[in-house]
Amino acid sequence: MEAIRGQNGIQLLLAAEQDAQQIVNTARNAKMARLKQAKEEAEREVAQFRAQVEAYFQRKVAESTGDSGSNVKRLEIETDAKIQHLKMEAARISHDVMQLLLKHVTTVKN
């Protein structure tokens, strides 16, 4: 009777060990699946963030390039206006300057 009870106890222990092993394997598989899912989610978030940063960068480049083009155009217009102003001033006072130079060149001092 004791031998039967001993074998029955061993059978119970083996069954319990198998159940425990199955629980551990199930938990390990669930953990691996969750880690894989977390990695995929992280990769998607990184890709999304990278796309946002790239879009921001491209927008800033476009804005600065656009500003540069408009600044060049504005500076060209201002420069042309200043050149025209200087030409007009030179034309306006050139007669007076010539008279002043001729007076000093032709005047003899003792």
PDB file of N, CA and C in Angstrom:
ATOM      1  N   MET A   1       0.811  -1.171   0.000  1.00  0.00           N
ATOM      2  CA  MET A   1       0.000   0.000   0.000  1.00  0.00           C
ATOM      3  C   MET A   1       0.867   1.252   0.000  1.00  0.00           C
ATOM      4  N   GLU A   2       1.900   1.239   0.795  1.00  0.00           N
ATOM      5  CA  GLU A   2       2.830   2.348   0.846  1.00  0.00           C
ATOM      6  C   GLU A   2       3.488   2.539  -0.513  1.00  0.00           C
ATOM      7  N   ALA A   3       3.825   1.489  -1.204  1.00  0.00           N
ATOM      8  CA  ALA A   3       4.473   1.581  -2.502  1.00  0.00           C
ATOM      9  C   ALA A   3       3.530   2.219  -3.513  1.00  0.00           C
ATOM     10  N   ILE A   4       2.269   1.874  -3.432  1.00  0.00           N
ATOM     11  CA  ILE A   4       1.289   2.453  -4.362  1.00  0.00           C
ATOM     12  C   ILE A   4       1.130   3.935  -4.067  1.00  0.00           C
ATOM     13  N   ARG A   5       1.076   4.259  -2.793  1.00  0.00           N
ATOM     14  CA  ARG A   5       0.946   5.655  -2.422  1.00  0.00           C
ATOM     15  C   ARG A   5       2.195   6.440  -2.832  1.00  0.00           C
ATOM     16  N   GLY A   6       3.382   5.878  -2.736  1.00  0.00           N
ATOM     17  CA  GLY A   6       4.639   6.510  -3.114  1.00  0.00           C
ATOM     18  C   GLY A   6       4.682   6.752  -4.615  1.00  0.00           C
ATOM     19  N   GLN A   7       4.253   5.748  -5.385  1.00  0.00           N
ATOM     20  CA  GLN A   7       4.240   5.919  -6.839  1.00  0.00           C
ATOM     21  C   GLN A   7       3.204   6.947  -7.258  1.00  0.00           C
ATOM     22  N   ASN A   8       2.094   6.950  -6.574  1.00  0.00           N
ATOM     23  CA  ASN A   8       1.045   7.925  -6.860  1.00  0.00           C
ATOM     24  C   ASN A   8       1.546   9.336  -6.555  1.00  0.00           C
ATOM     25  N   GLY A   9       2.316   9.496  -5.504  1.00  0.00           N
ATOM     26  CA  GLY A   9       2.888  10.793  -5.143  1.00  0.00           C
ATOM     27  C   GLY A   9       3.896  11.260  -6.182  1.00  0.00           C
ATOM     28  N   ILE A  10       4.702  10.302  -6.684  1.00  0.00           N
ATOM     29  CA  ILE A  10       5.686  10.631  -7.714  1.00  0.00           C
ATOM     30  C   ILE A  10       4.967  11.071  -8.987  1.00  0.00           C
ATOM     31  N   GLN A  11       3.903  10.355  -9.336  1.00  0.00           N
ATOM     32  CA  GLN A  11       3.122  10.709 -10.522  1.00  0.00           C
ATOM     33  C   GLN A  11       2.531  12.105 -10.369  1.00  0.00           C
ATOM     34  N   LEU A  12       2.051  12.420  -9.180  1.00  0.00           N
ATOM     35  CA  LEU A  12       1.509  13.759  -8.929  1.00  0.00           C
ATOM     36  C   LEU A  12       2.591  14.834  -9.058  1.00  0.00           C
ATOM     37  N   LEU A  13       3.778  14.537  -8.532  1.00  0.00           N
ATOM     38  CA  LEU A  13       4.889  15.494  -8.634  1.00  0.00           C
ATOM     39  C   LEU A  13       5.299  15.701 -10.090  1.00  0.00           C
ATOM     40  N   LEU A  14       5.376  14.633 -10.867  1.00  0.00           N
ATOM     41  CA  LEU A  14       5.731  14.747 -12.285  1.00  0.00           C
ATOM     42  C   LEU A  14       4.681  15.554 -13.052  1.00  0.00           C
ATOM     43  N   ALA A  15       3.429  15.312 -12.743  1.00  0.00           N
ATOM     44  CA  ALA A  15       2.355  16.058 -13.404  1.00  0.00           C
ATOM     45  C   ALA A  15       2.428  17.537 -13.030  1.00  0.00           C
ATOM     46  N   ALA A  16       2.702  17.819 -11.759  1.00  0.00           N
ATOM     47  CA  ALA A  16       2.820  19.203 -11.298  1.00  0.00           C
ATOM     48  C   ALA A  16       4.016  19.884 -11.971  1.00  0.00           C
ATOM     49  N   GLU A  17       5.109  19.133 -12.114  1.00  0.00           N
ATOM     50  CA  GLU A  17       6.311  19.687 -12.764  1.00  0.00           C
ATOM     51  C   GLU A  17       6.009  20.003 -14.236  1.00  0.00           C
ATOM     52  N   GLN A  18       5.292  19.126 -14.895  1.00  0.00           N
ATOM     53  CA  GLN A  18       4.930  19.372 -16.293  1.00  0.00           C
ATOM     54  C   GLN A  18       4.009  20.599 -16.414  1.00  0.00           C
ATOM     55  N   ASP A  19       3.064  20.705 -15.503  1.00  0.00           N
ATOM     56  CA  ASP A  19       2.180  21.883 -15.511  1.00  0.00           C
ATOM     57  C   ASP A  19       2.972  23.168 -15.286  1.00  0.00           C
ATOM     58  N   ALA A  20       3.905  23.112 -14.340  1.00  0.00           N
ATOM     59  CA  ALA A  20       4.726  24.291 -14.056  1.00  0.00           C
ATOM     60  C   ALA A  20       5.579  24.653 -15.278  1.00  0.00           C
ATOM     61  N   GLN A  21       6.141  23.640 -15.933  1.00  0.00           N
ATOM     62  CA  GLN A  21       6.956  23.884 -17.120  1.00  0.00           C
ATOM     63  C   GLN A  21       6.122  24.502 -18.240  1.00  0.00           C
ATOM     64  N   GLN A  22       4.897  24.038 -18.376  1.00  0.00           N
ATOM     65  CA  GLN A  22       4.002  24.594 -19.402  1.00  0.00           C
ATOM     66  C   GLN A  22       3.652  26.050 -19.092  1.00  0.00           C
ATOM     67  N   ILE A  23       3.424  26.356 -17.829  1.00  0.00           N
ATOM     68  CA  ILE A  23       3.134  27.732 -17.424  1.00  0.00           C
ATOM     69  C   ILE A  23       4.336  28.641 -17.707  1.00  0.00           C
ATOM     70  N   VAL A  24       5.540  28.145 -17.387  1.00  0.00           N
ATOM     71  CA  VAL A  24       6.763  28.929 -17.625  1.00  0.00           C
ATOM     72  C   VAL A  24       6.948  29.160 -19.128  1.00  0.00           C
ATOM     73  N   ASN A  25       6.752  28.122 -19.935  1.00  0.00           N
ATOM     74  CA  ASN A  25       6.900  28.260 -21.384  1.00  0.00           C
ATOM     75  C   ASN A  25       5.885  29.243 -21.955  1.00  0.00           C
ATOM     76  N   THR A  26       4.647  29.169 -21.476  1.00  0.00           N
ATOM     77  CA  THR A  26       3.610  30.098 -21.925  1.00  0.00           C
ATOM     78  C   THR A  26       3.983  31.540 -21.570  1.00  0.00           C
ATOM     79  N   ALA A  27       4.470  31.733 -20.348  1.00  0.00           N
ATOM     80  CA  ALA A  27       4.882  33.072 -19.916  1.00  0.00           C
ATOM     81  C   ALA A  27       6.068  33.562 -20.746  1.00  0.00           C
ATOM     82  N   ARG A  28       7.033  32.687 -21.010  1.00  0.00           N
ATOM     83  CA  ARG A  28       8.204  33.056 -21.810  1.00  0.00           C
ATOM     84  C   ARG A  28       7.773  33.452 -23.227  1.00  0.00           C
ATOM     85  N   ASN A  29       6.872  32.684 -23.821  1.00  0.00           N
ATOM     86  CA  ASN A  29       6.389  33.005 -25.164  1.00  0.00           C
ATOM     87  C   ASN A  29       5.624  34.325 -25.195  1.00  0.00           C
ATOM     88  N   ALA A  30       4.821  34.560 -24.161  1.00  0.00           N
ATOM     89  CA  ALA A  30       4.081  35.820 -24.070  1.00  0.00           C
ATOM     90  C   ALA A  30       5.041  36.999 -23.923  1.00  0.00           C
ATOM     91  N   LYS A  31       6.087  36.799 -23.123  1.00  0.00           N
ATOM     92  CA  LYS A  31       7.089  37.853 -22.935  1.00  0.00           C
ATOM     93  C   LYS A  31       7.802  38.152 -24.258  1.00  0.00           C
ATOM     94  N   MET A  32       8.197  37.134 -24.983  1.00  0.00           N
ATOM     95  CA  MET A  32       8.882  37.323 -26.264  1.00  0.00           C
ATOM     96  C   MET A  32       7.967  38.026 -27.271  1.00  0.00           C
ATOM     97  N   ALA A  33       6.694  37.646 -27.289  1.00  0.00           N
ATOM     98  CA  ALA A  33       5.739  38.281 -28.196  1.00  0.00           C
ATOM     99  C   ALA A  33       5.577  39.759 -27.842  1.00  0.00           C
ATOM    100  N   ARG A  34       5.496  40.057 -26.550  1.00  0.00           N
ATOM    101  CA  ARG A  34       5.346  41.452 -26.109  1.00  0.00           C
ATOM    102  C   ARG A  34       6.591  42.270 -26.447  1.00  0.00           C
ATOM    103  N   LEU A  35       7.773  41.682 -26.261  1.00  0.00           N
ATOM    104  CA  LEU A  35       9.003  42.385 -26.611  1.00  0.00           C
ATOM    105  C   LEU A  35       9.061  42.682 -28.110  1.00  0.00           C
ATOM    106  N   LYS A  36       8.639  41.729 -28.914  1.00  0.00           N
ATOM    107  CA  LYS A  36       8.610  41.932 -30.360  1.00  0.00           C
ATOM    108  C   LYS A  36       7.631  43.044 -30.722  1.00  0.00           C
ATOM    109  N   GLN A  37       6.464  43.028 -30.090  1.00  0.00           N
ATOM    110  CA  GLN A  37       5.457  44.055 -30.341  1.00  0.00           C
ATOM    111  C   GLN A  37       5.984  45.426 -29.914  1.00  0.00           C
ATOM    112  N   ALA A  38       6.653  45.496 -28.754  1.00  0.00           N
ATOM    113  CA  ALA A  38       7.194  46.767 -28.265  1.00  0.00           C
ATOM    114  C   ALA A  38       8.270  47.291 -29.230  1.00  0.00           C
ATOM    115  N   LYS A  39       9.092  46.388 -29.749  1.00  0.00           N
ATOM    116  CA  LYS A  39      10.128  46.790 -30.697  1.00  0.00           C
ATOM    117  C   LYS A  39       9.500  47.354 -31.968  1.00  0.00           C
ATOM    118  N   GLU A  40       8.470  46.719 -32.483  1.00  0.00           N
ATOM    119  CA  GLU A  40       7.790  47.196 -33.685  1.00  0.00           C
ATOM    120  C   GLU A  40       7.139  48.560 -33.446  1.00  0.00           C
ATOM    121  N   GLU A  41       6.523  48.719 -32.260  1.00  0.00           N
ATOM    122  CA  GLU A  41       5.910  50.010 -31.929  1.00  0.00           C
ATOM    123  C   GLU A  41       6.967  51.105 -31.847  1.00  0.00           C
ATOM    124  N   ALA A  42       8.099  50.786 -31.232  1.00  0.00           N
ATOM    125  CA  ALA A  42       9.185  51.766 -31.110  1.00  0.00           C
ATOM    126  C   ALA A  42       9.722  52.141 -32.484  1.00  0.00           C
ATOM    127  N   GLU A  43       9.870  51.163 -33.369  1.00  0.00           N
ATOM    128  CA  GLU A  43      10.354  51.452 -34.721  1.00  0.00           C
ATOM    129  C   GLU A  43       9.378  52.345 -35.476  1.00  0.00           C
ATOM    130  N   ARG A  44       8.074  52.118 -35.292  1.00  0.00           N
ATOM    131  CA  ARG A  44       7.081  52.980 -35.942  1.00  0.00           C
ATOM    132  C   ARG A  44       7.155  54.402 -35.397  1.00  0.00           C
ATOM    133  N   GLU A  45       7.295  54.524 -34.078  1.00  0.00           N
ATOM    134  CA  GLU A  45       7.389  55.855 -33.480  1.00  0.00           C
ATOM    135  C   GLU A  45       8.642  56.582 -33.955  1.00  0.00           C
ATOM    136  N   VAL A  46       9.761  55.863 -34.045  1.00  0.00           N
ATOM    137  CA  VAL A  46      11.008  56.483 -34.519  1.00  0.00           C
ATOM    138  C   VAL A  46      10.842  56.938 -35.961  1.00  0.00           C
ATOM    139  N   ALA A  47      10.238  56.097 -36.797  1.00  0.00           N
ATOM    140  CA  ALA A  47      10.024  56.468 -38.194  1.00  0.00           C
ATOM    141  C   ALA A  47       9.119  57.688 -38.300  1.00  0.00           C
ATOM    142  N   GLN A  48       8.080  57.740 -37.486  1.00  0.00           N
ATOM    143  CA  GLN A  48       7.162  58.881 -37.501  1.00  0.00           C
ATOM    144  C   GLN A  48       7.882  60.147 -37.045  1.00  0.00           C
ATOM    145  N   PHE A  49       8.667  60.041 -35.975  1.00  0.00           N
ATOM    146  CA  PHE A  49       9.412  61.191 -35.466  1.00  0.00           C
ATOM    147  C   PHE A  49      10.427  61.664 -36.509  1.00  0.00           C
ATOM    148  N   ARG A  50      11.114  60.720 -37.138  1.00  0.00           N
ATOM    149  CA  ARG A  50      12.097  61.073 -38.164  1.00  0.00           C
ATOM    150  C   ARG A  50      11.412  61.815 -39.311  1.00  0.00           C
ATOM    151  N   ALA A  51      10.241  61.356 -39.706  1.00  0.00           N
ATOM    152  CA  ALA A  51       9.505  62.019 -40.788  1.00  0.00           C
ATOM    153  C   ALA A  51       9.102  63.435 -40.374  1.00  0.00           C
ATOM    154  N   GLN A  52       8.673  63.618 -39.127  1.00  0.00           N
ATOM    155  CA  GLN A  52       8.298  64.952 -38.652  1.00  0.00           C
ATOM    156  C   GLN A  52       9.498  65.888 -38.648  1.00  0.00           C
ATOM    157  N   VAL A  53      10.629  65.398 -38.156  1.00  0.00           N
ATOM    158  CA  VAL A  53      11.831  66.230 -38.099  1.00  0.00           C
ATOM    159  C   VAL A  53      12.301  66.573 -39.515  1.00  0.00           C
ATOM    160  N   GLU A  54      12.247  65.605 -40.408  1.00  0.00           N
ATOM    161  CA  GLU A  54      12.649  65.848 -41.797  1.00  0.00           C
ATOM    162  C   GLU A  54      11.731  66.893 -42.446  1.00  0.00           C
ATOM    163  N   ALA A  55      10.424  66.789 -42.195  1.00  0.00           N
ATOM    164  CA  ALA A  55       9.481  67.761 -42.754  1.00  0.00           C
ATOM    165  C   ALA A  55       9.762  69.159 -42.193  1.00  0.00           C
ATOM    166  N   TYR A  56      10.031  69.239 -40.895  1.00  0.00           N
ATOM    167  CA  TYR A  56      10.358  70.517 -40.259  1.00  0.00           C
ATOM    168  C   TYR A  56      11.622  71.103 -40.886  1.00  0.00           C
ATOM    169  N   PHE A  57      12.628  70.260 -41.064  1.00  0.00           N
ATOM    170  CA  PHE A  57      13.886  70.702 -41.651  1.00  0.00           C
ATOM    171  C   PHE A  57      13.667  71.209 -43.077  1.00  0.00           C
ATOM    172  N   GLN A  58      12.928  70.461 -43.866  1.00  0.00           N
ATOM    173  CA  GLN A  58      12.673  70.866 -45.253  1.00  0.00           C
ATOM    174  C   GLN A  58      11.901  72.181 -45.313  1.00  0.00           C
ATOM    175  N   ARG A  59      10.940  72.351 -44.369  1.00  0.00           N
ATOM    176  CA  ARG A  59      10.172  73.593 -44.321  1.00  0.00           C
ATOM    177  C   ARG A  59      11.086  74.769 -43.980  1.00  0.00           C
ATOM    178  N   LYS A  60      11.986  74.576 -43.017  1.00  0.00           N
ATOM    179  CA  LYS A  60      12.915  75.642 -42.639  1.00  0.00           C
ATOM    180  C   LYS A  60      13.859  75.976 -43.784  1.00  0.00           C
ATOM    181  N   VAL A  61      14.347  74.964 -44.492  1.00  0.00           N
ATOM    182  CA  VAL A  61      15.220  75.208 -45.634  1.00  0.00           C
ATOM    183  C   VAL A  61      14.475  75.994 -46.706  1.00  0.00           C
ATOM    184  N   ALA A  62      13.229  75.599 -46.952  1.00  0.00           N
ATOM    185  CA  ALA A  62      12.433  76.304 -47.962  1.00  0.00           C
ATOM    186  C   ALA A  62      12.181  77.748 -47.541  1.00  0.00           C
ATOM    187  N   GLU A  63      11.896  77.959 -46.259  1.00  0.00           N
ATOM    188  CA  GLU A  63      11.652  79.321 -45.776  1.00  0.00           C
ATOM    189  C   GLU A  63      12.906  80.181 -45.893  1.00  0.00           C
ATOM    190  N   SER A  64      14.046  79.628 -45.492  1.00  0.00           N
ATOM    191  CA  SER A  64      15.275  80.425 -45.543  1.00  0.00           C
ATOM    192  C   SER A  64      15.707  80.666 -46.972  1.00  0.00           C
ATOM    193  N   THR A  65      15.484  79.706 -47.848  1.00  0.00           N
ATOM    194  CA  THR A  65      15.818  79.898 -49.255  1.00  0.00           C
ATOM    195  C   THR A  65      14.896  80.950 -49.868  1.00  0.00           C
ATOM    196  N   GLY A  66      13.632  80.875 -49.539  1.00  0.00           N
ATOM    197  CA  GLY A  66      12.676  81.868 -50.030  1.00  0.00           C
ATOM    198  C   GLY A  66      13.019  83.252 -49.538  1.00  0.00           C
ATOM    199  N   ASP A  67      13.383  83.352 -48.272  1.00  0.00           N
ATOM    200  CA  ASP A  67      13.774  84.636 -47.706  1.00  0.00           C
ATOM    201  C   ASP A  67      15.021  85.157 -48.391  1.00  0.00           C
ATOM    202  N   SER A  68      15.941  84.265 -48.664  1.00  0.00           N
ATOM    203  CA  SER A  68      17.178  84.673 -49.313  1.00  0.00           C
ATOM    204  C   SER A  68      16.887  85.248 -50.694  1.00  0.00           C
ATOM    205  N   GLY A  69      16.023  84.586 -51.438  1.00  0.00           N
ATOM    206  CA  GLY A  69      15.666  85.076 -52.770  1.00  0.00           C
ATOM    207  C   GLY A  69      14.982  86.418 -52.707  1.00  0.00           C
ATOM    208  N   SER A  70      14.056  86.590 -51.770  1.00  0.00           N
ATOM    209  CA  SER A  70      13.368  87.872 -51.651  1.00  0.00           C
ATOM    210  C   SER A  70      14.314  88.953 -51.147  1.00  0.00           C
ATOM    211  N   ASN A  71      15.255  88.578 -50.268  1.00  0.00           N
ATOM    212  CA  ASN A  71      16.242  89.551 -49.786  1.00  0.00           C
ATOM    213  C   ASN A  71      17.139  90.011 -50.929  1.00  0.00           C
ATOM    214  N   VAL A  72      17.553  89.095 -51.776  1.00  0.00           N
ATOM    215  CA  VAL A  72      18.397  89.455 -52.910  1.00  0.00           C
ATOM    216  C   VAL A  72      17.645  90.416 -53.824  1.00  0.00           C
ATOM    217  N   LYS A  73      16.397  90.109 -54.093  1.00  0.00           N
ATOM    218  CA  LYS A  73      15.578  90.960 -54.964  1.00  0.00           C
ATOM    219  C   LYS A  73      15.419  92.351 -54.346  1.00  0.00           C
ATOM    220  N   ARG A  74      15.128  92.385 -53.049  1.00  0.00           N
ATOM    221  CA  ARG A  74      14.959  93.663 -52.357  1.00  0.00           C
ATOM    222  C   ARG A  74      16.256  94.465 -52.388  1.00  0.00           C
ATOM    223  N   LEU A  75      17.395  93.804 -52.149  1.00  0.00           N
ATOM    224  CA  LEU A  75      18.677  94.509 -52.165  1.00  0.00           C
ATOM    225  C   LEU A  75      19.012  95.029 -53.563  1.00  0.00           C
ATOM    226  N   GLU A  76      18.680  94.268 -54.593  1.00  0.00           N
ATOM    227  CA  GLU A  76      18.915  94.731 -55.957  1.00  0.00           C
ATOM    228  C   GLU A  76      18.104  95.994 -56.242  1.00  0.00           C
ATOM    229  N   ILE A  77      16.847  96.009 -55.818  1.00  0.00           N
ATOM    230  CA  ILE A  77      15.985  97.175 -56.032  1.00  0.00           C
ATOM    231  C   ILE A  77      16.528  98.390 -55.280  1.00  0.00           C
ATOM    232  N   GLU A  78      16.927  98.178 -54.016  1.00  0.00           N
ATOM    233  CA  GLU A  78      17.467  99.284 -53.227  1.00  0.00           C
ATOM    234  C   GLU A  78      18.759  99.807 -53.832  1.00  0.00           C
ATOM    235  N   THR A  79      19.619  98.897 -54.283  1.00  0.00           N
ATOM    236  CA  THR A  79      20.888  99.306 -54.893  1.00  0.00           C
ATOM    237  C   THR A  79      20.647 100.109 -56.165  1.00  0.00           C
ATOM    238  N   ASP A  80      19.743  99.645 -57.007  1.00  0.00           N
ATOM    239  CA  ASP A  80      19.425 100.387 -58.234  1.00  0.00           C
ATOM    240  C   ASP A  80      18.888 101.777 -57.912  1.00  0.00           C
ATOM    241  N   ALA A  81      18.044 101.859 -56.891  1.00  0.00           N
ATOM    242  CA  ALA A  81      17.490 103.161 -56.507  1.00  0.00           C
ATOM    243  C   ALA A  81      18.599 104.094 -56.026  1.00  0.00           C
ATOM    244  N   LYS A  82      19.541 103.589 -55.253  1.00  0.00           N
ATOM    245  CA  LYS A  82      20.645 104.422 -54.760  1.00  0.00           C
ATOM    246  C   LYS A  82      21.559 104.856 -55.906  1.00  0.00           C
ATOM    247  N   ILE A  83      21.805 103.970 -56.842  1.00  0.00           N
ATOM    248  CA  ILE A  83      22.629 104.329 -57.997  1.00  0.00           C
ATOM    249  C   ILE A  83      21.956 105.440 -58.798  1.00  0.00           C
ATOM    250  N   GLN A  84      20.659 105.328 -59.028  1.00  0.00           N
ATOM    251  CA  GLN A  84      19.925 106.361 -59.766  1.00  0.00           C
ATOM    252  C   GLN A  84      19.973 107.693 -59.022  1.00  0.00           C
ATOM    253  N   HIS A  85      19.838 107.623 -57.699  1.00  0.00           N
ATOM    254  CA  HIS A  85      19.893 108.849 -56.883  1.00  0.00           C
ATOM    255  C   HIS A  85      21.268 109.499 -57.001  1.00  0.00           C
ATOM    256  N   LEU A  86      22.339 108.691 -56.925  1.00  0.00           N
ATOM    257  CA  LEU A  86      23.689 109.240 -57.033  1.00  0.00           C
ATOM    258  C   LEU A  86      23.939 109.835 -58.416  1.00  0.00           C
ATOM    259  N   LYS A  87      23.446 109.185 -59.456  1.00  0.00           N
ATOM    260  CA  LYS A  87      23.601 109.721 -60.813  1.00  0.00           C
ATOM    261  C   LYS A  87      22.881 111.060 -60.949  1.00  0.00           C
ATOM    262  N   MET A  88      21.691 111.161 -60.384  1.00  0.00           N
ATOM    263  CA  MET A  88      20.932 112.412 -60.456  1.00  0.00           C
ATOM    264  C   MET A  88      21.658 113.522 -59.694  1.00  0.00           C
ATOM    265  N   GLU A  89      22.176 113.193 -58.511  1.00  0.00           N
ATOM    266  CA  GLU A  89      22.911 114.186 -57.718  1.00  0.00           C
ATOM    267  C   GLU A  89      24.175 114.628 -58.458  1.00  0.00           C
ATOM    268  N   ALA A  90      24.872 113.653 -59.063  1.00  0.00           N
ATOM    269  CA  ALA A  90      26.092 113.990 -59.803  1.00  0.00           C
ATOM    270  C   ALA A  90      25.759 114.888 -60.988  1.00  0.00           C
ATOM    271  N   ALA A  91      24.685 114.570 -61.684  1.00  0.00           N
ATOM    272  CA  ALA A  91      24.290 115.405 -62.823  1.00  0.00           C
ATOM    273  C   ALA A  91      23.878 116.798 -62.358  1.00  0.00           C
ATOM    274  N   ARG A  92      23.235 116.891 -61.219  1.00  0.00           N
ATOM    275  CA  ARG A  92      22.754 118.170 -60.711  1.00  0.00           C
ATOM    276  C   ARG A  92      23.904 119.079 -60.295  1.00  0.00           C
ATOM    277  N   ILE A  93      24.937 118.527 -59.655  1.00  0.00           N
ATOM    278  CA  ILE A  93      26.012 119.385 -59.143  1.00  0.00           C
ATOM    279  C   ILE A  93      27.269 119.367 -60.019  1.00  0.00           C
ATOM    280  N   SER A  94      27.274 118.609 -61.090  1.00  0.00           N
ATOM    281  CA  SER A  94      28.498 118.525 -61.914  1.00  0.00           C
ATOM    282  C   SER A  94      28.866 119.879 -62.526  1.00  0.00           C
ATOM    283  N   HIS A  95      27.880 120.666 -62.930  1.00  0.00           N
ATOM    284  CA  HIS A  95      28.167 121.983 -63.501  1.00  0.00           C
ATOM    285  C   HIS A  95      28.837 122.875 -62.463  1.00  0.00           C
ATOM    286  N   ASP A  96      28.323 122.874 -61.239  1.00  0.00           N
ATOM    287  CA  ASP A  96      28.894 123.701 -60.172  1.00  0.00           C
ATOM    288  C   ASP A  96      30.309 123.242 -59.836  1.00  0.00           C
ATOM    289  N   VAL A  97      30.530 121.944 -59.807  1.00  0.00           N
ATOM    290  CA  VAL A  97      31.860 121.404 -59.493  1.00  0.00           C
ATOM    291  C   VAL A  97      32.841 121.803 -60.590  1.00  0.00           C
ATOM    292  N   MET A  98      32.424 121.722 -61.845  1.00  0.00           N
ATOM    293  CA  MET A  98      33.290 122.113 -62.959  1.00  0.00           C
ATOM    294  C   MET A  98      33.649 123.601 -62.861  1.00  0.00           C
ATOM    295  N   GLN A  99      32.692 124.418 -62.548  1.00  0.00           N
ATOM    296  CA  GLN A  99      32.950 125.856 -62.416  1.00  0.00           C
ATOM    297  C   GLN A  99      33.935 126.119 -61.280  1.00  0.00           C
ATOM    298  N   LEU A 100      33.758 125.418 -60.171  1.00  0.00           N
ATOM    299  CA  LEU A 100      34.649 125.580 -59.025  1.00  0.00           C
ATOM    300  C   LEU A 100      36.061 125.136 -59.382  1.00  0.00           C
ATOM    301  N   LEU A 101      36.200 124.024 -60.066  1.00  0.00           N
ATOM    302  CA  LEU A 101      37.523 123.545 -60.463  1.00  0.00           C
ATOM    303  C   LEU A 101      38.185 124.502 -61.455  1.00  0.00           C
ATOM    304  N   LEU A 102      37.419 124.963 -62.432  1.00  0.00           N
ATOM    305  CA  LEU A 102      37.977 125.905 -63.407  1.00  0.00           C
ATOM    306  C   LEU A 102      38.423 127.206 -62.728  1.00  0.00           C
ATOM    307  N   LYS A 103      37.657 127.666 -61.792  1.00  0.00           N
ATOM    308  CA  LYS A 103      37.999 128.910 -61.063  1.00  0.00           C
ATOM    309  C   LYS A 103      39.312 128.725 -60.338  1.00  0.00           C
ATOM    310  N   HIS A 104      39.496 127.592 -59.665  1.00  0.00           N
ATOM    311  CA  HIS A 104      40.734 127.367 -58.908  1.00  0.00           C
ATOM    312  C   HIS A 104      41.925 127.117 -59.829  1.00  0.00           C
ATOM    313  N   VAL A 105      41.689 126.505 -60.947  1.00  0.00           N
ATOM    314  CA  VAL A 105      42.789 126.205 -61.865  1.00  0.00           C
ATOM    315  C   VAL A 105      43.231 127.464 -62.607  1.00  0.00           C
ATOM    316  N   THR A 106      42.281 128.294 -62.924  1.00  0.00           N
ATOM    317  CA  THR A 106      42.611 129.478 -63.737  1.00  0.00           C
ATOM    318  C   THR A 106      42.983 130.687 -62.895  1.00  0.00           C
ATOM    319  N   THR A 107      42.755 130.651 -61.622  1.00  0.00           N
ATOM    320  CA  THR A 107      43.078 131.786 -60.780  1.00  0.00           C
ATOM    321  C   THR A 107      44.556 131.700 -60.393  1.00  0.00           C
ATOM    322  N   VAL A 108      45.273 132.796 -60.588  1.00  0.00           N
ATOM    323  CA  VAL A 108      46.700 132.853 -60.258  1.00  0.00           C
ATOM    324  C   VAL A 108      46.839 133.677 -58.987  1.00  0.00           C
ATOM    325  N   LYS A 109      47.572 133.145 -58.043  1.00  0.00           N
ATOM    326  CA  LYS A 109      47.784 133.862 -56.790  1.00  0.00           C
ATOM    327  C   LYS A 109      49.227 134.323 -56.751  1.00  0.00           C
ATOM    328  N   ASN A 110      49.472 135.499 -56.228  1.00  0.00           N
ATOM    329  CA  ASN A 110      50.822 136.063 -56.113  1.00  0.00           C
ATOM    330  C   ASN A 110      51.452 135.707 -54.832  1.00  0.00           C
TER     331      ASN A 110
END
